[in-house]
Amino acid sequence: MTATQWIIDGMQACLPKRCPLPFTTVESAAFIKTGVARGQVRLFDGLVGTLQVSRQSCGSSSFWCIHWQELPGGAIKWNGARWERVCTCQKMELAEPQASDL
């Protein structure tokens, strides 16, 4: 299996059924050690992120681990219909200075 396919398979295994991948293409990928691949992916909004995908085991069970190393533009989420950015900023309104503040 190629590192590109490892990244695709690992990400798909971590998502709900019928949920598309949050990236459109794997730009580059390489195994950095046994069972661990790192790749750059073109995200749904055109930005390029870097992730690491590994396969871990615990006793007789195994599971995929996804670690975003670079996620420009901030966090992402699946809203049930499409991928979108999670806005963690809050709009702040500046209060007019009061006479007691001067």
PDB file of N, CA and C in Angstrom:
ATOM      1  N   MET A   1       0.844  -1.182   0.000  1.00  0.00           N
ATOM      2  CA  MET A   1       0.000   0.000   0.000  1.00  0.00           C
ATOM      3  C   MET A   1       0.887   1.243   0.000  1.00  0.00           C
ATOM      4  N   THR A   2       0.490   2.227  -0.770  1.00  0.00           N
ATOM      5  CA  THR A   2       1.254   3.471  -0.828  1.00  0.00           C
ATOM      6  C   THR A   2       0.911   4.358   0.372  1.00  0.00           C
ATOM      7  N   ALA A   3       1.767   5.325   0.647  1.00  0.00           N
ATOM      8  CA  ALA A   3       1.510   6.279   1.729  1.00  0.00           C
ATOM      9  C   ALA A   3       0.254   7.105   1.425  1.00  0.00           C
ATOM     10  N   THR A   4       0.041   7.434   0.174  1.00  0.00           N
ATOM     11  CA  THR A   4      -1.157   8.170  -0.225  1.00  0.00           C
ATOM     12  C   THR A   4      -2.413   7.379   0.113  1.00  0.00           C
ATOM     13  N   GLN A   5      -2.419   6.114  -0.234  1.00  0.00           N
ATOM     14  CA  GLN A   5      -3.588   5.272   0.050  1.00  0.00           C
ATOM     15  C   GLN A   5      -3.767   5.079   1.557  1.00  0.00           C
ATOM     16  N   TRP A   6      -2.667   4.994   2.290  1.00  0.00           N
ATOM     17  CA  TRP A   6      -2.709   4.867   3.755  1.00  0.00           C
ATOM     18  C   TRP A   6      -3.445   6.080   4.368  1.00  0.00           C
ATOM     19  N   ILE A   7      -3.101   7.272   3.881  1.00  0.00           N
ATOM     20  CA  ILE A   7      -3.740   8.496   4.380  1.00  0.00           C
ATOM     21  C   ILE A   7      -5.228   8.515   4.045  1.00  0.00           C
ATOM     22  N   ILE A   8      -5.570   8.165   2.840  1.00  0.00           N
ATOM     23  CA  ILE A   8      -6.972   8.129   2.424  1.00  0.00           C
ATOM     24  C   ILE A   8      -7.753   7.106   3.242  1.00  0.00           C
ATOM     25  N   ASP A   9      -7.225   5.897   3.361  1.00  0.00           N
ATOM     26  CA  ASP A   9      -7.913   4.838   4.100  1.00  0.00           C
ATOM     27  C   ASP A   9      -8.079   5.192   5.576  1.00  0.00           C
ATOM     28  N   GLY A  10      -7.016   5.751   6.174  1.00  0.00           N
ATOM     29  CA  GLY A  10      -7.078   6.112   7.582  1.00  0.00           C
ATOM     30  C   GLY A  10      -8.100   7.197   7.854  1.00  0.00           C
ATOM     31  N   MET A  11      -8.117   8.216   7.020  1.00  0.00           N
ATOM     32  CA  MET A  11      -9.071   9.304   7.208  1.00  0.00           C
ATOM     33  C   MET A  11     -10.500   8.801   7.001  1.00  0.00           C
ATOM     34  N   GLN A  12     -10.718   8.028   5.957  1.00  0.00           N
ATOM     35  CA  GLN A  12     -12.066   7.529   5.680  1.00  0.00           C
ATOM     36  C   GLN A  12     -12.577   6.654   6.823  1.00  0.00           C
ATOM     37  N   ALA A  13     -11.693   5.874   7.433  1.00  0.00           N
ATOM     38  CA  ALA A  13     -12.092   5.002   8.541  1.00  0.00           C
ATOM     39  C   ALA A  13     -12.529   5.795   9.769  1.00  0.00           C
ATOM     40  N   CYS A  14     -12.070   7.033   9.896  1.00  0.00           N
ATOM     41  CA  CYS A  14     -12.400   7.869  11.062  1.00  0.00           C
ATOM     42  C   CYS A  14     -13.644   8.719  10.856  1.00  0.00           C
ATOM     43  N   LEU A  15     -14.212   8.688   9.675  1.00  0.00           N
ATOM     44  CA  LEU A  15     -15.372   9.527   9.359  1.00  0.00           C
ATOM     45  C   LEU A  15     -16.663   8.714   9.361  1.00  0.00           C
ATOM     46  N   PRO A  16     -17.803   9.376   9.540  1.00  0.00           N
ATOM     47  CA  PRO A  16     -19.084   8.668   9.431  1.00  0.00           C
ATOM     48  C   PRO A  16     -19.267   8.100   8.022  1.00  0.00           C
ATOM     49  N   LYS A  17     -20.072   7.065   7.912  1.00  0.00           N
ATOM     50  CA  LYS A  17     -20.341   6.477   6.593  1.00  0.00           C
ATOM     51  C   LYS A  17     -20.919   7.528   5.661  1.00  0.00           C
ATOM     52  N   ARG A  18     -20.528   7.476   4.418  1.00  0.00           N
ATOM     53  CA  ARG A  18     -20.973   8.376   3.342  1.00  0.00           C
ATOM     54  C   ARG A  18     -20.504   9.820   3.519  1.00  0.00           C
ATOM     55  N   CYS A  19     -19.633  10.062   4.477  1.00  0.00           N
ATOM     56  CA  CYS A  19     -19.066  11.403   4.650  1.00  0.00           C
ATOM     57  C   CYS A  19     -17.846  11.516   3.732  1.00  0.00           C
ATOM     58  N   PRO A  20     -17.795  12.533   2.895  1.00  0.00           N
ATOM     59  CA  PRO A  20     -16.628  12.681   2.016  1.00  0.00           C
ATOM     60  C   PRO A  20     -15.391  13.098   2.809  1.00  0.00           C
ATOM     61  N   LEU A  21     -14.261  12.857   2.218  1.00  0.00           N
ATOM     62  CA  LEU A  21     -13.005  13.287   2.828  1.00  0.00           C
ATOM     63  C   LEU A  21     -12.962  14.812   2.905  1.00  0.00           C
ATOM     64  N   PRO A  22     -12.274  15.373   3.896  1.00  0.00           N
ATOM     65  CA  PRO A  22     -12.166  16.832   3.981  1.00  0.00           C
ATOM     66  C   PRO A  22     -11.132  17.395   3.002  1.00  0.00           C
ATOM     67  N   PHE A  23     -10.489  16.537   2.261  1.00  0.00           N
ATOM     68  CA  PHE A  23      -9.515  16.991   1.268  1.00  0.00           C
ATOM     69  C   PHE A  23      -9.859  16.421  -0.097  1.00  0.00           C
ATOM     70  N   THR A  24      -9.447  17.157  -1.111  1.00  0.00           N
ATOM     71  CA  THR A  24      -9.745  16.734  -2.486  1.00  0.00           C
ATOM     72  C   THR A  24      -8.638  15.889  -3.079  1.00  0.00           C
ATOM     73  N   THR A  25      -7.396  16.166  -2.678  1.00  0.00           N
ATOM     74  CA  THR A  25      -6.259  15.387  -3.181  1.00  0.00           C
ATOM     75  C   THR A  25      -5.174  15.291  -2.117  1.00  0.00           C
ATOM     76  N   VAL A  26      -4.383  14.251  -2.241  1.00  0.00           N
ATOM     77  CA  VAL A  26      -3.170  14.129  -1.442  1.00  0.00           C
ATOM     78  C   VAL A  26      -2.051  14.656  -2.327  1.00  0.00           C
ATOM     79  N   GLU A  27      -1.494  15.797  -1.950  1.00  0.00           N
ATOM     80  CA  GLU A  27      -0.449  16.442  -2.754  1.00  0.00           C
ATOM     81  C   GLU A  27       0.874  15.672  -2.692  1.00  0.00           C
ATOM     82  N   SER A  28       1.218  15.206  -1.489  1.00  0.00           N
ATOM     83  CA  SER A  28       2.424  14.403  -1.306  1.00  0.00           C
ATOM     84  C   SER A  28       2.250  13.567  -0.052  1.00  0.00           C
ATOM     85  N   ALA A  29       2.905  12.428  -0.017  1.00  0.00           N
ATOM     86  CA  ALA A  29       2.809  11.546   1.146  1.00  0.00           C
ATOM     87  C   ALA A  29       4.019  10.630   1.205  1.00  0.00           C
ATOM     88  N   ALA A  30       4.405  10.286   2.426  1.00  0.00           N
ATOM     89  CA  ALA A  30       5.524   9.361   2.620  1.00  0.00           C
ATOM     90  C   ALA A  30       5.372   8.679   3.971  1.00  0.00           C
ATOM     91  N   PHE A  31       5.828   7.445   4.034  1.00  0.00           N
ATOM     92  CA  PHE A  31       5.892   6.768   5.321  1.00  0.00           C
ATOM     93  C   PHE A  31       7.102   7.318   6.065  1.00  0.00           C
ATOM     94  N   ILE A  32       6.903   7.732   7.306  1.00  0.00           N
ATOM     95  CA  ILE A  32       8.025   8.262   8.093  1.00  0.00           C
ATOM     96  C   ILE A  32       8.566   7.205   9.042  1.00  0.00           C
ATOM     97  N   LYS A  33       7.780   6.177   9.304  1.00  0.00           N
ATOM     98  CA  LYS A  33       8.224   4.970   9.998  1.00  0.00           C
ATOM     99  C   LYS A  33       7.141   3.916   9.794  1.00  0.00           C
ATOM    100  N   THR A  34       7.364   2.720  10.241  1.00  0.00           N
ATOM    101  CA  THR A  34       6.398   1.656  10.031  1.00  0.00           C
ATOM    102  C   THR A  34       5.041   2.027  10.628  1.00  0.00           C
ATOM    103  N   GLY A  35       4.016   1.997   9.794  1.00  0.00           N
ATOM    104  CA  GLY A  35       2.664   2.268  10.252  1.00  0.00           C
ATOM    105  C   GLY A  35       2.305   3.728  10.418  1.00  0.00           C
ATOM    106  N   VAL A  36       3.181   4.626   9.975  1.00  0.00           N
ATOM    107  CA  VAL A  36       2.917   6.062  10.129  1.00  0.00           C
ATOM    108  C   VAL A  36       3.244   6.776   8.812  1.00  0.00           C
ATOM    109  N   ALA A  37       2.250   7.468   8.268  1.00  0.00           N
ATOM    110  CA  ALA A  37       2.448   8.241   7.040  1.00  0.00           C
ATOM    111  C   ALA A  37       2.153   9.708   7.320  1.00  0.00           C
ATOM    112  N   ARG A  38       2.904  10.571   6.683  1.00  0.00           N
ATOM    113  CA  ARG A  38       2.684  12.009   6.769  1.00  0.00           C
ATOM    114  C   ARG A  38       2.421  12.507   5.356  1.00  0.00           C
ATOM    115  N   GLY A  39       1.454  13.421   5.232  1.00  0.00           N
ATOM    116  CA  GLY A  39       1.149  13.920   3.905  1.00  0.00           C
ATOM    117  C   GLY A  39       0.616  15.333   3.916  1.00  0.00           C
ATOM    118  N   GLN A  40       0.729  15.948   2.770  1.00  0.00           N
ATOM    119  CA  GLN A  40       0.122  17.252   2.549  1.00  0.00           C
ATOM    120  C   GLN A  40      -1.099  17.025   1.673  1.00  0.00           C
ATOM    121  N   VAL A  41      -2.224  17.605   2.107  1.00  0.00           N
ATOM    122  CA  VAL A  41      -3.481  17.408   1.406  1.00  0.00           C
ATOM    123  C   VAL A  41      -4.093  18.754   1.036  1.00  0.00           C
ATOM    124  N   ARG A  42      -4.761  18.781  -0.106  1.00  0.00           N
ATOM    125  CA  ARG A  42      -5.495  19.972  -0.535  1.00  0.00           C
ATOM    126  C   ARG A  42      -6.889  19.865   0.065  1.00  0.00           C
ATOM    127  N   LEU A  43      -7.196  20.779   0.969  1.00  0.00           N
ATOM    128  CA  LEU A  43      -8.460  20.736   1.690  1.00  0.00           C
ATOM    129  C   LEU A  43      -9.628  21.190   0.829  1.00  0.00           C
ATOM    130  N   PHE A  44     -10.827  20.974   1.310  1.00  0.00           N
ATOM    131  CA  PHE A  44     -12.069  21.290   0.594  1.00  0.00           C
ATOM    132  C   PHE A  44     -12.142  22.742   0.145  1.00  0.00           C
ATOM    133  N   ASP A  45     -11.451  23.654   0.857  1.00  0.00           N
ATOM    134  CA  ASP A  45     -11.501  25.075   0.496  1.00  0.00           C
ATOM    135  C   ASP A  45     -10.247  25.557  -0.230  1.00  0.00           C
ATOM    136  N   GLY A  46      -9.401  24.607  -0.650  1.00  0.00           N
ATOM    137  CA  GLY A  46      -8.232  24.942  -1.452  1.00  0.00           C
ATOM    138  C   GLY A  46      -6.938  25.126  -0.676  1.00  0.00           C
ATOM    139  N   LEU A  47      -7.018  25.274   0.651  1.00  0.00           N
ATOM    140  CA  LEU A  47      -5.797  25.406   1.447  1.00  0.00           C
ATOM    141  C   LEU A  47      -5.102  24.052   1.563  1.00  0.00           C
ATOM    142  N   VAL A  48      -3.811  24.085   1.851  1.00  0.00           N
ATOM    143  CA  VAL A  48      -3.038  22.844   1.986  1.00  0.00           C
ATOM    144  C   VAL A  48      -2.707  22.609   3.445  1.00  0.00           C
ATOM    145  N   GLY A  49      -3.084  21.443   3.949  1.00  0.00           N
ATOM    146  CA  GLY A  49      -2.807  21.062   5.328  1.00  0.00           C
ATOM    147  C   GLY A  49      -1.861  19.880   5.382  1.00  0.00           C
ATOM    148  N   THR A  50      -1.267  19.675   6.541  1.00  0.00           N
ATOM    149  CA  THR A  50      -0.361  18.543   6.754  1.00  0.00           C
ATOM    150  C   THR A  50      -0.929  17.677   7.868  1.00  0.00           C
ATOM    151  N   LEU A  51      -1.002  16.379   7.610  1.00  0.00           N
ATOM    152  CA  LEU A  51      -1.491  15.470   8.622  1.00  0.00           C
ATOM    153  C   LEU A  51      -0.630  14.223   8.709  1.00  0.00           C
ATOM    154  N   GLN A  52      -0.746  13.570   9.841  1.00  0.00           N
ATOM    155  CA  GLN A  52      -0.040  12.317  10.079  1.00  0.00           C
ATOM    156  C   GLN A  52      -1.098  11.277  10.400  1.00  0.00           C
ATOM    157  N   VAL A  53      -1.003  10.129   9.740  1.00  0.00           N
ATOM    158  CA  VAL A  53      -1.974   9.055   9.922  1.00  0.00           C
ATOM    159  C   VAL A  53      -1.226   7.816  10.373  1.00  0.00           C
ATOM    160  N   SER A  54      -1.690   7.243  11.480  1.00  0.00           N
ATOM    161  CA  SER A  54      -1.038   6.033  11.990  1.00  0.00           C
ATOM    162  C   SER A  54      -2.080   4.995  12.359  1.00  0.00           C
ATOM    163  N   ARG A  55      -1.614   3.792  12.466  1.00  0.00           N
ATOM    164  CA  ARG A  55      -2.460   2.675  12.883  1.00  0.00           C
ATOM    165  C   ARG A  55      -1.916   2.203  14.213  1.00  0.00           C
ATOM    166  N   GLN A  56      -2.745   2.252  15.247  1.00  0.00           N
ATOM    167  CA  GLN A  56      -2.333   1.861  16.596  1.00  0.00           C
ATOM    168  C   GLN A  56      -3.052   0.578  16.989  1.00  0.00           C
ATOM    169  N   SER A  57      -2.481  -0.115  17.957  1.00  0.00           N
ATOM    170  CA  SER A  57      -3.158  -1.311  18.448  1.00  0.00           C
ATOM    171  C   SER A  57      -3.133  -1.326  19.969  1.00  0.00           C
ATOM    172  N   CYS A  58      -4.161  -1.939  20.515  1.00  0.00           N
ATOM    173  CA  CYS A  58      -4.288  -2.089  21.962  1.00  0.00           C
ATOM    174  C   CYS A  58      -4.868  -3.483  22.189  1.00  0.00           C
ATOM    175  N   GLY A  59      -4.042  -4.390  22.642  1.00  0.00           N
ATOM    176  CA  GLY A  59      -4.487  -5.773  22.783  1.00  0.00           C
ATOM    177  C   GLY A  59      -4.812  -6.355  21.423  1.00  0.00           C
ATOM    178  N   SER A  60      -6.018  -6.875  21.288  1.00  0.00           N
ATOM    179  CA  SER A  60      -6.414  -7.464  20.006  1.00  0.00           C
ATOM    180  C   SER A  60      -7.132  -6.464  19.104  1.00  0.00           C
ATOM    181  N   SER A  61      -7.294  -5.228  19.567  1.00  0.00           N
ATOM    182  CA  SER A  61      -7.970  -4.194  18.773  1.00  0.00           C
ATOM    183  C   SER A  61      -6.957  -3.267  18.122  1.00  0.00           C
ATOM    184  N   SER A  62      -7.345  -2.706  16.991  1.00  0.00           N
ATOM    185  CA  SER A  62      -6.510  -1.693  16.347  1.00  0.00           C
ATOM    186  C   SER A  62      -7.407  -0.559  15.875  1.00  0.00           C
ATOM    187  N   PHE A  63      -6.813   0.612  15.734  1.00  0.00           N
ATOM    188  CA  PHE A  63      -7.578   1.789  15.352  1.00  0.00           C
ATOM    189  C   PHE A  63      -6.668   2.772  14.635  1.00  0.00           C
ATOM    190  N   TRP A  64      -7.294   3.661  13.861  1.00  0.00           N
ATOM    191  CA  TRP A  64      -6.576   4.697  13.130  1.00  0.00           C
ATOM    192  C   TRP A  64      -6.462   5.949  13.987  1.00  0.00           C
ATOM    193  N   CYS A  65      -5.360   6.660  13.846  1.00  0.00           N
ATOM    194  CA  CYS A  65      -5.158   7.943  14.520  1.00  0.00           C
ATOM    195  C   CYS A  65      -4.821   8.993  13.463  1.00  0.00           C
ATOM    196  N   ILE A  66      -5.507  10.112  13.538  1.00  0.00           N
ATOM    197  CA  ILE A  66      -5.264  11.243  12.634  1.00  0.00           C
ATOM    198  C   ILE A  66      -4.759  12.397  13.476  1.00  0.00           C
ATOM    199  N   HIS A  67      -3.648  12.973  13.069  1.00  0.00           N
ATOM    200  CA  HIS A  67      -3.085  14.131  13.773  1.00  0.00           C
ATOM    201  C   HIS A  67      -2.800  15.213  12.752  1.00  0.00           C
ATOM    202  N   TRP A  68      -3.529  16.319  12.855  1.00  0.00           N
ATOM    203  CA  TRP A  68      -3.271  17.452  11.964  1.00  0.00           C
ATOM    204  C   TRP A  68      -2.053  18.192  12.494  1.00  0.00           C
ATOM    205  N   GLN A  69      -1.017  18.285  11.695  1.00  0.00           N
ATOM    206  CA  GLN A  69       0.187  19.005  12.095  1.00  0.00           C
ATOM    207  C   GLN A  69       0.115  20.463  11.667  1.00  0.00           C
ATOM    208  N   GLU A  70      -0.530  20.702  10.553  1.00  0.00           N
ATOM    209  CA  GLU A  70      -0.773  22.065  10.068  1.00  0.00           C
ATOM    210  C   GLU A  70      -2.172  22.083   9.475  1.00  0.00           C
ATOM    211  N   LEU A  71      -2.998  22.986   9.971  1.00  0.00           N
ATOM    212  CA  LEU A  71      -4.351  23.129   9.459  1.00  0.00           C
ATOM    213  C   LEU A  71      -4.636  24.615   9.271  1.00  0.00           C
ATOM    214  N   PRO A  72      -4.083  25.175   8.177  1.00  0.00           N
ATOM    215  CA  PRO A  72      -4.266  26.609   7.945  1.00  0.00           C
ATOM    216  C   PRO A  72      -5.746  26.936   7.791  1.00  0.00           C
ATOM    217  N   GLY A  73      -6.114  28.085   8.303  1.00  0.00           N
ATOM    218  CA  GLY A  73      -7.509  28.493   8.242  1.00  0.00           C
ATOM    219  C   GLY A  73      -8.307  28.063   9.461  1.00  0.00           C
ATOM    220  N   GLY A  74      -7.712  27.232  10.313  1.00  0.00           N
ATOM    221  CA  GLY A  74      -8.376  26.828  11.546  1.00  0.00           C
ATOM    222  C   GLY A  74      -9.125  25.511  11.450  1.00  0.00           C
ATOM    223  N   ALA A  75      -9.813  25.193  12.525  1.00  0.00           N
ATOM    224  CA  ALA A  75     -10.512  23.915  12.666  1.00  0.00           C
ATOM    225  C   ALA A  75     -11.591  23.746  11.596  1.00  0.00           C
ATOM    226  N   ILE A  76     -11.895  22.487  11.317  1.00  0.00           N
ATOM    227  CA  ILE A  76     -12.918  22.153  10.337  1.00  0.00           C
ATOM    228  C   ILE A  76     -13.924  21.203  10.976  1.00  0.00           C
ATOM    229  N   LYS A  77     -15.125  21.160  10.375  1.00  0.00           N
ATOM    230  CA  LYS A  77     -16.125  20.207  10.844  1.00  0.00           C
ATOM    231  C   LYS A  77     -17.046  19.811   9.697  1.00  0.00           C
ATOM    232  N   TRP A  78     -17.657  18.651   9.847  1.00  0.00           N
ATOM    233  CA  TRP A  78     -18.663  18.180   8.909  1.00  0.00           C
ATOM    234  C   TRP A  78     -20.013  18.575   9.486  1.00  0.00           C
ATOM    235  N   ASN A  79     -20.799  19.332   8.748  1.00  0.00           N
ATOM    236  CA  ASN A  79     -22.079  19.812   9.274  1.00  0.00           C
ATOM    237  C   ASN A  79     -23.261  18.925   8.871  1.00  0.00           C
ATOM    238  N   GLY A  80     -22.973  17.764   8.334  1.00  0.00           N
ATOM    239  CA  GLY A  80     -24.020  16.850   7.884  1.00  0.00           C
ATOM    240  C   GLY A  80     -24.279  16.945   6.403  1.00  0.00           C
ATOM    241  N   ALA A  81     -23.816  18.034   5.799  1.00  0.00           N
ATOM    242  CA  ALA A  81     -24.007  18.234   4.361  1.00  0.00           C
ATOM    243  C   ALA A  81     -22.716  18.600   3.643  1.00  0.00           C
ATOM    244  N   ARG A  82     -21.805  19.263   4.368  1.00  0.00           N
ATOM    245  CA  ARG A  82     -20.550  19.687   3.739  1.00  0.00           C
ATOM    246  C   ARG A  82     -19.520  20.005   4.830  1.00  0.00           C
ATOM    247  N   TRP A  83     -18.269  20.094   4.415  1.00  0.00           N
ATOM    248  CA  TRP A  83     -17.201  20.513   5.308  1.00  0.00           C
ATOM    249  C   TRP A  83     -17.214  22.027   5.406  1.00  0.00           C
ATOM    250  N   GLU A  84     -16.895  22.547   6.581  1.00  0.00           N
ATOM    251  CA  GLU A  84     -16.826  23.990   6.771  1.00  0.00           C
ATOM    252  C   GLU A  84     -15.807  24.312   7.853  1.00  0.00           C
ATOM    253  N   ARG A  85     -15.407  25.545   7.877  1.00  0.00           N
ATOM    254  CA  ARG A  85     -14.486  26.033   8.907  1.00  0.00           C
ATOM    255  C   ARG A  85     -15.261  26.327  10.177  1.00  0.00           C
ATOM    256  N   VAL A  86     -14.633  26.073  11.287  1.00  0.00           N
ATOM    257  CA  VAL A  86     -15.217  26.383  12.584  1.00  0.00           C
ATOM    258  C   VAL A  86     -14.689  27.745  12.990  1.00  0.00           C
ATOM    259  N   CYS A  87     -15.585  28.689  13.149  1.00  0.00           N
ATOM    260  CA  CYS A  87     -15.168  30.028  13.545  1.00  0.00           C
ATOM    261  C   CYS A  87     -15.075  30.062  15.059  1.00  0.00           C
ATOM    262  N   THR A  88     -13.869  30.264  15.561  1.00  0.00           N
ATOM    263  CA  THR A  88     -13.678  30.321  17.008  1.00  0.00           C
ATOM    264  C   THR A  88     -13.519  31.755  17.491  1.00  0.00           C
ATOM    265  N   CYS A  89     -13.615  32.673  16.557  1.00  0.00           N
ATOM    266  CA  CYS A  89     -13.479  34.071  16.950  1.00  0.00           C
ATOM    267  C   CYS A  89     -14.855  34.633  17.303  1.00  0.00           C
ATOM    268  N   GLN A  90     -14.870  35.578  18.175  1.00  0.00           N
ATOM    269  CA  GLN A  90     -16.112  36.245  18.536  1.00  0.00           C
ATOM    270  C   GLN A  90     -15.996  37.704  18.145  1.00  0.00           C
ATOM    271  N   LYS A  91     -17.058  38.206  17.592  1.00  0.00           N
ATOM    272  CA  LYS A  91     -17.071  39.607  17.205  1.00  0.00           C
ATOM    273  C   LYS A  91     -17.184  40.445  18.476  1.00  0.00           C
ATOM    274  N   MET A  92     -16.251  41.334  18.659  1.00  0.00           N
ATOM    275  CA  MET A  92     -16.254  42.171  19.853  1.00  0.00           C
ATOM    276  C   MET A  92     -16.676  43.579  19.477  1.00  0.00           C
ATOM    277  N   GLU A  93     -17.564  44.108  20.261  1.00  0.00           N
ATOM    278  CA  GLU A  93     -17.970  45.488  20.060  1.00  0.00           C
ATOM    279  C   GLU A  93     -17.242  46.335  21.083  1.00  0.00           C
ATOM    280  N   LEU A  94     -16.670  47.407  20.616  1.00  0.00           N
ATOM    281  CA  LEU A  94     -15.950  48.300  21.511  1.00  0.00           C
ATOM    282  C   LEU A  94     -16.926  49.282  22.141  1.00  0.00           C
ATOM    283  N   ALA A  95     -16.849  49.372  23.433  1.00  0.00           N
ATOM    284  CA  ALA A  95     -17.728  50.297  24.159  1.00  0.00           C
ATOM    285  C   ALA A  95     -17.144  51.696  24.092  1.00  0.00           C
ATOM    286  N   GLU A  96     -18.012  52.662  24.050  1.00  0.00           N
ATOM    287  CA  GLU A  96     -17.583  54.051  24.095  1.00  0.00           C
ATOM    288  C   GLU A  96     -17.004  54.322  25.470  1.00  0.00           C
ATOM    289  N   PRO A  97     -15.888  55.057  25.558  1.00  0.00           N
ATOM    290  CA  PRO A  97     -15.340  55.365  26.877  1.00  0.00           C
ATOM    291  C   PRO A  97     -16.313  56.204  27.695  1.00  0.00           C
ATOM    292  N   GLN A  98     -16.403  55.866  28.925  1.00  0.00           N
ATOM    293  CA  GLN A  98     -17.260  56.597  29.856  1.00  0.00           C
ATOM    294  C   GLN A  98     -16.430  57.694  30.550  1.00  0.00           C
ATOM    295  N   ALA A  99     -17.093  58.711  31.019  1.00  0.00           N
ATOM    296  CA  ALA A  99     -16.398  59.806  31.703  1.00  0.00           C
ATOM    297  C   ALA A  99     -15.607  59.291  32.898  1.00  0.00           C
ATOM    298  N   SER A 100     -16.137  58.256  33.554  1.00  0.00           N
ATOM    299  CA  SER A 100     -15.437  57.696  34.726  1.00  0.00           C
ATOM    300  C   SER A 100     -14.162  56.950  34.336  1.00  0.00           C
ATOM    301  N   ASP A 101     -14.028  56.563  33.031  1.00  0.00           N
ATOM    302  CA  ASP A 101     -12.843  55.854  32.564  1.00  0.00           C
ATOM    303  C   ASP A 101     -11.697  56.799  32.233  1.00  0.00           C
ATOM    304  N   LEU A 102     -11.997  58.089  32.101  1.00  0.00           N
ATOM    305  CA  LEU A 102     -10.976  59.055  31.661  1.00  0.00           C
ATOM    306  C   LEU A 102     -10.161  59.587  32.793  1.00  0.00           C
TER     307      LEU A 102
END
